[in-house]
Protein backbone atom coordinates (compact mmCIF):
# COMPACT_ATOMS: atom_id res chain seq x y z
CA MET A 1 102.44 223.02 115.37
CA THR A 2 101.32 219.48 114.02
CA ASP A 3 103.74 216.33 113.30
CA SER A 4 106.30 217.50 115.40
CA MET A 5 109.18 215.73 115.85
CA LEU A 6 110.37 217.07 119.21
CA HIS A 7 107.31 218.61 121.52
CA VAL A 8 108.30 220.54 124.54
CA GLU A 9 105.55 221.21 127.10
CA GLY A 10 105.88 223.10 129.81
CA ILE A 11 109.40 222.50 131.36
CA GLU A 12 110.60 223.83 134.35
CA THR A 13 114.45 223.73 135.15
CA PHE A 14 116.40 224.70 137.95
CA TYR A 15 120.08 225.29 139.15
CA GLY A 16 120.04 224.13 142.43
CA PRO A 17 117.21 226.59 144.22
CA ILE A 18 117.22 228.90 141.00
CA GLN A 19 114.61 228.70 138.45
CA ALA A 20 116.43 229.10 134.93
CA ILE A 21 113.18 228.14 132.61
CA ARG A 22 109.49 228.54 133.73
CA GLY A 23 106.97 226.36 131.55
CA VAL A 24 108.62 226.49 128.67
CA SER A 25 106.90 224.77 125.37
CA LEU A 26 108.02 224.71 121.80
CA ASP A 27 107.75 222.14 118.74
CA VAL A 28 110.17 221.36 115.86
CA ALA A 29 108.56 219.33 113.29
CA GLN A 30 110.38 216.84 110.75
CA GLY A 31 113.07 218.81 108.38
CA GLN A 32 112.53 222.20 109.85
CA ILE A 33 114.85 224.84 111.47
CA VAL A 34 113.29 226.72 114.78
CA THR A 35 115.20 229.57 116.46
CA VAL A 36 115.09 230.36 120.17
CA LEU A 37 116.39 233.90 120.50
CA GLY A 38 116.55 236.18 123.62
CA ALA A 39 119.37 237.78 125.75
CA ASN A 40 122.17 236.37 128.14
CA GLY A 41 120.47 234.71 130.72
CA ALA A 42 116.98 234.34 129.25
CA GLY A 43 117.27 230.48 129.80
CA LYS A 44 118.68 229.73 125.80
CA THR A 45 121.03 227.53 126.92
CA THR A 46 119.10 226.06 129.39
CA VAL A 47 116.38 224.65 126.97
CA LEU A 48 119.09 223.10 124.99
CA ARG A 49 120.82 221.28 127.86
CA THR A 50 117.20 219.81 129.25
CA ILE A 51 116.25 218.62 125.66
CA SER A 52 119.46 216.84 125.45
CA GLY A 53 119.13 215.19 129.14
CA VAL A 54 122.47 217.33 130.37
CA LEU A 55 119.82 218.83 132.71
CA ASP A 56 116.29 217.12 133.83
CA PRO A 57 113.40 219.09 134.24
CA GLU A 58 111.31 219.44 137.69
CA ARG A 59 108.30 219.70 135.73
CA GLY A 60 106.96 219.03 132.10
CA LYS A 61 107.49 216.66 129.15
CA VAL A 62 110.30 216.59 126.38
CA MET A 63 108.74 214.21 123.28
CA PHE A 64 110.77 212.94 121.06
CA GLN A 65 109.25 211.25 118.04
CA GLY A 66 106.64 210.41 120.60
CA ARG A 67 108.36 209.00 123.28
CA ASP A 68 109.02 211.07 126.46
CA ILE A 69 113.22 211.67 126.90
CA ALA A 70 112.60 214.35 129.81
CA HIS A 71 114.83 211.98 132.49
CA MET A 72 116.80 209.94 129.81
CA PRO A 73 120.62 210.32 130.01
CA PRO A 74 122.83 212.25 127.95
CA ASP A 75 124.36 209.04 126.00
CA GLN A 76 120.65 207.63 125.67
CA VAL A 77 119.30 210.70 124.13
CA MET A 78 121.81 210.82 121.67
CA ARG A 79 121.86 207.41 120.55
CA MET A 80 117.75 208.29 119.70
CA GLY A 81 119.35 210.92 117.28
CA ILE A 82 119.20 214.27 119.01
CA CYS A 83 123.24 215.47 118.84
CA HIS A 84 124.16 218.66 120.66
CA VAL A 85 126.62 221.22 119.68
CA PRO A 86 126.80 223.35 122.92
CA GLU A 87 128.14 226.92 123.46
CA GLY A 88 132.03 227.30 123.53
CA ARG A 89 132.27 223.99 120.80
CA ASP A 90 133.73 221.88 123.40
CA THR A 91 136.16 220.00 121.02
CA PHE A 92 139.14 217.55 122.54
CA PRO A 93 142.16 219.70 122.00
CA PHE A 94 144.71 217.27 122.48
CA LEU A 95 143.17 214.92 120.10
CA THR A 96 143.11 215.22 116.02
CA VAL A 97 141.00 216.89 114.16
CA ARG A 98 140.33 213.66 112.42
CA GLU A 99 140.21 212.07 116.02
CA ASN A 100 137.57 213.97 117.16
CA LEU A 101 135.40 213.69 113.99
CA MET A 102 135.70 209.99 114.76
CA MET A 103 134.83 210.15 118.29
CA GLY A 104 131.29 211.51 117.30
CA ALA A 105 130.81 208.05 115.70
CA TYR A 106 131.73 206.31 118.76
CA THR A 107 128.30 204.50 118.66
CA ARG A 108 128.47 203.29 115.14
CA ARG A 109 129.45 200.02 114.05
CA ASP A 110 128.96 200.92 110.45
CA LYS A 111 132.60 201.21 109.03
CA ASP A 112 131.34 202.13 105.57
CA GLY A 113 128.48 204.59 106.57
CA VAL A 114 131.67 206.33 109.14
CA ALA A 115 133.95 206.68 106.18
CA ARG A 116 131.15 208.07 103.88
CA ASP A 117 130.42 210.45 106.56
CA LEU A 118 133.49 211.75 107.20
CA GLU A 119 133.77 212.71 103.16
CA LEU A 120 130.93 214.51 103.85
CA CYS A 121 131.71 216.56 106.30
CA PHE A 122 135.31 217.30 104.80
CA SER A 123 133.00 218.42 101.49
CA TYR A 124 131.28 220.78 103.76
CA PHE A 125 134.15 222.10 105.54
CA PRO A 126 137.34 221.64 103.10
CA ARG A 127 139.61 223.17 105.82
CA LEU A 128 138.79 220.59 108.56
CA LEU A 129 140.23 218.40 105.75
CA GLU A 130 143.68 220.13 105.55
CA ARG A 131 143.68 220.21 109.05
CA GLN A 132 142.83 216.71 109.63
CA HIS A 133 145.89 215.77 111.31
CA GLN A 134 146.15 219.10 113.54
CA ARG A 135 145.26 219.13 117.20
CA ALA A 136 141.81 220.50 117.84
CA GLY A 137 143.29 222.56 120.34
CA LEU A 138 145.30 224.39 117.88
CA LEU A 139 142.50 225.65 115.71
CA SER A 140 140.89 229.15 115.01
CA GLY A 141 137.58 229.56 116.79
CA GLY A 142 135.88 229.22 113.58
CA GLU A 143 137.56 226.16 112.59
CA GLN A 144 136.57 224.95 116.30
CA GLN A 145 132.90 225.46 115.41
CA MET A 146 133.47 223.96 112.00
CA LEU A 147 135.01 220.53 113.74
CA ALA A 148 131.99 221.09 116.50
CA ILE A 149 129.44 220.93 114.03
CA SER A 150 130.88 217.87 112.11
CA ARG A 151 131.34 215.81 114.92
CA ALA A 152 127.98 215.73 115.68
CA LEU A 153 127.15 215.44 111.97
CA MET A 154 129.14 212.09 112.66
CA GLY A 155 126.58 210.76 114.98
CA GLN A 156 123.98 211.00 112.16
CA PRO A 157 121.58 212.86 113.71
CA LYS A 158 117.69 213.53 113.45
CA LEU A 159 117.79 217.00 115.44
CA LEU A 160 120.68 218.85 115.49
CA LEU A 161 121.00 220.91 118.50
CA LEU A 162 123.26 224.29 118.09
CA ASP A 163 123.78 226.75 120.55
CA GLU A 164 125.42 230.27 119.52
CA PRO A 165 127.30 229.08 116.50
CA SER A 166 128.46 232.36 115.65
CA LEU A 167 130.02 232.99 119.29
CA GLY A 168 133.20 235.13 118.52
CA LEU A 169 133.03 234.41 114.70
CA SER A 170 133.62 237.53 112.28
CA PRO A 171 131.05 237.95 110.00
CA LEU A 172 132.47 236.17 106.81
CA LEU A 173 132.79 233.44 108.71
CA VAL A 174 128.73 233.69 110.59
CA GLN A 175 128.02 233.51 106.93
CA GLN A 176 129.86 230.57 106.14
CA ILE A 177 128.56 228.72 109.08
CA PHE A 178 125.19 229.40 108.49
CA GLY A 179 125.19 229.06 104.57
CA ILE A 180 126.25 225.18 105.93
CA ILE A 181 123.67 225.01 108.33
CA ARG A 182 121.31 225.35 105.84
CA ARG A 183 122.72 223.30 103.23
CA ILE A 184 122.78 220.44 106.34
CA ASN A 185 119.16 220.92 107.00
CA LYS A 186 118.25 220.64 103.19
CA GLU A 187 120.80 217.92 102.00
CA GLN A 188 120.57 215.82 104.64
CA GLY A 189 117.35 216.39 106.10
CA VAL A 190 118.29 217.06 109.89
CA SER A 191 115.95 219.06 111.73
CA ILE A 192 117.88 221.79 113.85
CA LEU A 193 116.90 223.47 116.97
CA LEU A 194 119.20 226.55 117.09
CA VAL A 195 119.86 229.05 119.45
CA GLU A 196 121.73 232.81 118.47
CA GLN A 197 121.55 235.79 120.04
CA ASN A 198 122.42 237.17 116.27
CA ALA A 199 118.62 237.99 115.60
CA HIS A 200 119.03 238.98 112.06
CA ILE A 201 120.89 235.84 110.99
CA ALA A 202 118.89 233.21 112.88
CA LEU A 203 115.70 234.56 111.65
CA LYS A 204 116.80 234.54 108.16
CA THR A 205 117.95 231.47 108.55
CA ALA A 206 115.05 229.68 110.44
CA ASP A 207 111.38 228.76 109.68
CA TYR A 208 110.03 229.51 112.83
CA GLY A 209 111.01 231.39 115.70
CA TYR A 210 110.46 231.70 119.72
CA ILE A 211 111.27 234.32 122.26
CA ILE A 212 112.47 233.83 125.85
CA GLU A 213 112.88 236.20 128.32
CA VAL A 214 113.44 235.70 131.84
CA GLY A 215 112.93 232.21 131.28
CA ARG A 216 109.69 232.27 129.23
CA ILE A 217 108.57 232.05 125.85
CA VAL A 218 106.84 235.74 125.29
CA ALA A 219 106.49 235.64 121.64
CA GLN A 220 106.44 232.70 118.72
CA ASP A 221 105.41 233.04 114.82
CA HIS A 222 107.01 232.15 111.55
CA CYS A 223 110.10 234.03 111.12
CA ALA A 224 109.21 236.15 107.66
CA ALA A 225 106.17 237.62 110.37
CA LEU A 226 108.62 237.65 112.95
CA LEU A 227 110.87 240.05 110.99
CA GLN A 228 108.32 242.38 110.19
CA ARG A 229 107.14 243.50 113.83
CA ASP A 230 107.98 246.51 115.47
CA ASP A 231 108.95 245.00 118.84
CA ILE A 232 111.28 242.84 117.08
CA LYS A 233 113.04 245.47 115.20
CA GLU A 234 113.42 247.49 117.81
CA PHE A 235 114.81 245.07 120.73
CA TYR A 236 116.34 242.26 118.60
CA LEU A 237 117.37 243.78 115.16
CA GLY A 238 118.39 247.49 116.83
CA GLN A 239 116.01 249.32 114.24
CA LYS A 240 114.53 251.87 116.21
CA GLU A 241 111.73 253.66 114.84
CA THR A 242 111.87 257.85 114.78
CA GLY A 243 109.67 260.78 115.05
CA GLU A 244 106.43 260.69 116.56
CA ARG A 245 105.54 257.24 116.44
CA GLY A 246 109.19 256.22 117.48
CA GLN A 247 108.49 258.40 120.56
CA ARG A 248 105.15 257.06 121.41
CA ARG A 249 106.48 253.28 121.19
CA TRP A 250 109.58 254.66 123.75
CA LYS A 251 106.77 255.63 126.11
CA ARG A 252 105.49 252.37 126.25
CA LYS A 253 106.21 249.00 128.08
CA ARG A 254 107.29 246.37 125.95
CA LEU A 255 104.56 243.80 124.43
CA TRP A 256 104.90 240.93 126.21
CA ASN A 257 105.62 242.83 129.80
């Protein structure tokens, strides 16, 4: 992929002696939504943590706008324009919604810009405006996800890393959250790297997708093409084939084994 805002090349990351990802390479172009799909424990979250500086790779490069950030502290990565919304939201439960949002802008000194972005977040998520003086720990799961995304937006990201934004949400809330993700991308021009287990909505939302298994990228393509692949339908979208063709496929190994 050319003209990449983010270029990850051959990263290998460990948790102590355990290797979590093995030679992962991926790209995110300016203005693009890219998704990484895989089962629990496949290494999706580790990829995001390595990009955002929470973890250091043992090998490989993480290039952002032409600069290697592989061993840069997370606060410096954030100042460069990469904001990470982790799995589980990680809001500050004893701070109000408004205080949480202002924490997202702690590196900024442009008061007028901060005020405009605060109103922008409230326009995307009117529920947060209603709850702005309420403690974040009292919000529902869906409201906390709205808050976590909005807090990241307050940092003026160039690249937004989203880890399982649909986790634990009702189907209706998932549709609402992903609708806002698409709007943020189109209206604000923010590039997005999306880690998600809900393969169907991720592939419908993103432009390009990677499949990760046991720490390795095993497939990649434009999302429209991935949606048409029989192996993706079977193992990630739950659309099993029937009849003679399905019986033949059940006897074969998966394409990436």
